[in-house]
Amino acid sequence: MSAHPLPGSAGRKRRDKMLLPMAPAKYLAALGRFVHAFSWVEDHVAILLWITADVQQPTAQALLSGVKIEQAISLLGRVMDAREISGPDREALEEALRQVSLINKVRNEILHFGAKAQQDGRLVISNQRTAHINSRLREVTISPETLADMTYDLDAIWVRLHVYGWRLRSDHFDFSQSAGHAERLERPWRYRPPQQAASTRKTQKTPPAQQLPPPTSGG
């Protein structure tokens, strides 16, 4: 007796072919690593807020469960002010959180607007659909290399958050000296937003233009 396909199976096979435009596999792999790394950092910012505020986990879960990462960063700063926390540890933490904010802006644009292929092969993220005036229009070229740079930074940021949280809870163990942590604490950031690079070039000092000598009267 010959086997017959199940009803509807042929239709399902035809529908398996993706109609949604897909970015190159290299980009999608880099995007997956980036999103995974960001989720770890986002979770640890929330935990660090609980620790810094000295709130027990059940209470923190009730009060802070819906707090987004930018709001958590803002609240963390307010709590550190209220507790008069200062010094090199706070400065290092705030530097890391500033980098998180820059990366979070790109993350939001990737997830909300998506990367669209251009005729020249670039992948571009644009808020053209939501920008109500031209001055608000933002277009950013994204690539696997950009995602790798942000993922690299997120790895170092996670270590900084972890070290700061540990030091708040214990003075008896320097977690920063654990294997792999010391090097990450010294890493310079790889990701720089394009507009920041442009503004840096504008602010570089250039030699003044050579002045022409005043005209002389003919004689």
Protein backbone atom coordinates (compact mmCIF):
# COMPACT_ATOMS: atom_id res chain seq x y z
CA MET A 1 0.00 0.00 0.00
CA SER A 2 1.51 3.35 -1.04
CA ALA A 3 1.85 6.08 1.52
CA HIS A 4 -0.20 9.21 1.01
CA PRO A 5 0.81 12.67 2.26
CA LEU A 6 -1.21 14.06 5.11
CA PRO A 7 -3.91 16.54 4.12
CA GLY A 8 -2.47 20.03 3.84
CA SER A 9 1.20 18.93 3.94
CA ALA A 10 1.86 20.06 0.37
CA GLY A 11 0.51 23.51 1.17
CA ARG A 12 2.68 23.75 4.28
CA LYS A 13 5.80 22.93 2.22
CA ARG A 14 4.95 25.68 -0.24
CA ARG A 15 4.52 28.13 2.63
CA ASP A 16 7.90 27.19 4.15
CA LYS A 17 9.67 29.46 1.68
CA MET A 18 10.20 32.82 3.38
CA LEU A 19 8.57 35.79 1.69
CA LEU A 20 9.99 38.23 4.26
CA PRO A 21 13.23 39.85 2.99
CA MET A 22 16.12 38.45 5.03
CA ALA A 23 19.47 40.04 5.79
CA PRO A 24 22.69 38.10 5.07
CA ALA A 25 23.40 35.16 7.38
CA LYS A 26 26.56 36.82 8.74
CA TYR A 27 24.53 39.83 9.87
CA LEU A 28 21.81 37.68 11.43
CA ALA A 29 24.39 35.63 13.37
CA ALA A 30 26.03 38.83 14.68
CA LEU A 31 22.60 40.22 15.57
CA GLY A 32 21.77 37.10 17.59
CA ARG A 33 25.00 37.38 19.58
CA PHE A 34 24.39 41.07 20.18
CA VAL A 35 20.80 40.63 21.39
CA HIS A 36 21.91 37.79 23.67
CA ALA A 37 24.68 39.92 25.21
CA PHE A 38 22.38 42.91 25.64
CA SER A 39 19.80 40.84 27.50
CA TRP A 40 22.45 39.85 30.06
CA VAL A 41 23.47 43.48 30.60
CA GLU A 42 19.85 44.65 30.81
CA ASP A 43 19.11 42.02 33.44
CA HIS A 44 22.18 42.96 35.46
CA VAL A 45 21.37 46.67 35.43
CA ALA A 46 18.05 45.78 37.06
CA ILE A 47 19.76 43.56 39.65
CA LEU A 48 22.30 46.30 40.38
CA LEU A 49 19.46 48.75 40.98
CA TRP A 50 17.98 46.34 43.56
CA ILE A 51 21.35 45.94 45.29
CA THR A 52 22.18 49.64 45.33
CA ALA A 53 18.73 50.55 46.64
CA ASP A 54 19.08 47.80 49.28
CA VAL A 55 15.69 46.36 48.34
CA GLN A 56 14.90 42.71 48.96
CA GLN A 57 14.14 40.65 45.87
CA PRO A 58 10.37 40.08 46.43
CA THR A 59 9.82 43.83 46.95
CA ALA A 60 12.03 44.72 44.01
CA GLN A 61 10.14 42.30 41.77
CA ALA A 62 6.86 43.92 42.79
CA LEU A 63 8.01 47.53 42.37
CA LEU A 64 10.57 47.44 39.55
CA SER A 65 9.50 44.60 37.27
CA GLY A 66 8.33 46.91 34.47
CA VAL A 67 11.25 49.33 34.54
CA LYS A 68 13.02 49.70 31.18
CA ILE A 69 16.80 49.89 31.02
CA GLU A 70 17.00 53.68 30.51
CA GLN A 71 14.69 54.28 33.47
CA ALA A 72 16.69 51.80 35.55
CA ILE A 73 19.90 53.70 34.74
CA SER A 74 18.26 56.97 35.77
CA LEU A 75 16.94 55.48 39.01
CA LEU A 76 20.35 53.97 39.75
CA GLY A 77 21.93 57.43 39.54
CA ARG A 78 19.30 58.88 41.87
CA VAL A 79 19.83 56.10 44.41
CA MET A 80 23.61 56.59 44.34
CA ASP A 81 23.06 60.32 44.93
CA ALA A 82 20.69 59.60 47.83
CA ARG A 83 23.18 57.17 49.39
CA GLU A 84 26.06 59.59 48.71
CA ILE A 85 27.98 56.94 46.78
CA SER A 86 31.00 58.44 45.03
CA GLY A 87 34.57 57.64 44.06
CA PRO A 88 36.33 55.71 41.29
CA ASP A 89 33.87 52.78 41.39
CA ARG A 90 30.92 55.06 40.67
CA GLU A 91 32.83 56.89 37.94
CA ALA A 92 33.68 53.58 36.23
CA LEU A 93 30.07 52.44 36.56
CA GLU A 94 28.68 55.66 35.11
CA GLU A 95 31.09 55.44 32.17
CA ALA A 96 29.82 51.92 31.49
CA LEU A 97 26.19 53.01 31.78
CA ARG A 98 26.75 55.86 29.31
CA GLN A 99 28.00 53.29 26.82
CA VAL A 100 24.95 51.11 27.54
CA SER A 101 22.70 54.07 26.69
CA LEU A 102 24.46 54.61 23.35
CA ILE A 103 24.18 50.93 22.49
CA ASN A 104 20.56 50.79 23.65
CA LYS A 105 19.64 53.54 21.19
CA VAL A 106 20.99 51.46 18.31
CA ARG A 107 19.33 48.33 19.67
CA ASN A 108 15.94 50.04 19.77
CA GLU A 109 16.31 51.26 16.20
CA ILE A 110 17.32 47.80 14.98
CA LEU A 111 14.41 46.08 16.70
CA HIS A 112 11.76 48.69 15.90
CA PHE A 113 12.73 49.72 12.36
CA GLY A 114 14.74 46.77 11.05
CA ALA A 115 17.75 46.77 8.74
CA LYS A 116 16.92 47.25 5.07
CA ALA A 117 19.27 46.42 2.22
CA GLN A 118 20.26 49.24 -0.12
CA GLN A 119 21.22 48.98 -3.79
CA ASP A 120 24.88 49.54 -2.88
CA GLY A 121 24.80 46.51 -0.53
CA ARG A 122 24.67 48.41 2.74
CA LEU A 123 22.18 47.59 5.51
CA VAL A 124 20.51 50.75 6.77
CA ILE A 125 18.25 51.50 9.73
CA SER A 126 16.01 54.51 9.26
CA ASN A 127 13.24 56.13 11.31
CA GLN A 128 11.75 57.61 8.14
CA ARG A 129 8.41 56.01 8.91
CA THR A 130 8.08 57.85 12.25
CA ALA A 131 10.10 61.06 11.80
CA HIS A 132 7.58 63.89 11.59
CA ILE A 133 10.09 66.57 10.50
CA ASN A 134 13.31 66.34 8.49
CA SER A 135 15.49 67.36 11.44
CA ARG A 136 14.33 64.22 13.27
CA LEU A 137 15.19 61.91 10.40
CA ARG A 138 17.94 59.47 11.35
CA GLU A 139 19.61 56.94 9.10
CA VAL A 140 22.35 54.63 10.33
CA THR A 141 24.39 52.06 8.43
CA ILE A 142 24.61 48.80 10.38
CA SER A 143 26.91 45.87 9.71
CA PRO A 144 28.11 42.64 11.33
CA GLU A 145 31.25 44.54 12.35
CA THR A 146 29.22 47.23 14.14
CA LEU A 147 27.23 44.57 15.98
CA ALA A 148 30.48 42.79 16.92
CA ASP A 149 31.89 46.03 18.34
CA MET A 150 28.80 46.57 20.49
CA THR A 151 28.83 42.95 21.65
CA TYR A 152 32.50 43.32 22.61
CA ASP A 153 31.63 46.40 24.69
CA LEU A 154 28.65 44.67 26.33
CA ASP A 155 30.97 41.89 27.51
CA ALA A 156 33.18 44.46 29.27
CA ILE A 157 30.15 46.36 30.59
CA TRP A 158 28.70 43.21 32.14
CA VAL A 159 31.96 42.66 34.04
CA ARG A 160 31.95 46.26 35.32
CA LEU A 161 28.39 45.91 36.56
CA HIS A 162 29.23 42.60 38.21
CA VAL A 163 32.34 43.98 39.94
CA TYR A 164 30.48 47.06 41.19
CA GLY A 165 27.62 44.97 42.59
CA TRP A 166 30.05 42.61 44.30
CA ARG A 167 31.93 45.47 45.95
CA LEU A 168 28.68 46.87 47.32
CA ARG A 169 27.98 43.56 49.01
CA SER A 170 31.46 42.56 50.20
CA ASP A 171 34.79 44.16 51.06
CA HIS A 172 36.53 40.81 51.57
CA PHE A 173 36.97 39.68 47.99
CA ASP A 174 38.21 41.63 44.99
CA PHE A 175 36.13 40.12 42.20
CA SER A 176 37.88 42.33 39.66
CA GLN A 177 41.02 40.19 39.92
CA SER A 178 39.22 37.00 38.91
CA ALA A 179 40.30 35.31 35.69
CA GLY A 180 39.42 37.41 32.66
CA HIS A 181 37.89 40.27 34.63
CA ALA A 182 40.89 42.57 35.06
CA GLU A 183 41.50 42.76 31.30
CA ARG A 184 37.84 43.56 30.58
CA LEU A 185 37.84 46.38 33.12
CA GLU A 186 40.57 48.13 31.12
CA ARG A 187 39.07 47.69 27.66
CA PRO A 188 38.49 50.85 25.63
CA TRP A 189 35.10 51.03 23.95
CA ARG A 190 34.99 49.83 20.36
CA TYR A 191 31.60 51.20 19.42
CA ARG A 192 31.37 54.91 18.63
CA PRO A 193 28.17 56.36 17.17
CA PRO A 194 28.69 57.95 13.74
CA GLN A 195 27.54 61.42 14.84
CA GLN A 196 30.05 61.36 17.70
CA ALA A 197 32.88 60.65 15.29
CA ALA A 198 31.69 63.51 13.05
CA SER A 199 31.51 65.98 15.93
CA THR A 200 35.01 64.97 17.02
CA ARG A 201 36.37 65.82 13.60
CA LYS A 202 34.65 69.21 13.70
CA THR A 203 36.13 70.11 17.07
CA GLN A 204 39.70 69.27 16.12
CA LYS A 205 41.80 72.39 15.95
CA THR A 206 42.96 73.43 12.51
CA PRO A 207 45.67 75.95 11.83
CA PRO A 208 44.30 79.41 11.09
CA ALA A 209 44.16 80.43 7.47
CA GLN A 210 47.17 82.39 6.33
CA GLN A 211 46.41 86.09 6.20
CA LEU A 212 47.23 87.91 2.99
CA PRO A 213 49.45 90.95 3.41
CA PRO A 214 47.68 94.29 3.15
CA PRO A 215 47.72 95.78 -0.30
CA THR A 216 50.50 98.27 -0.95
CA SER A 217 50.10 101.45 -2.89
CA GLY A 218 51.74 101.44 -6.25
CA GLY A 219 54.66 103.77 -6.75
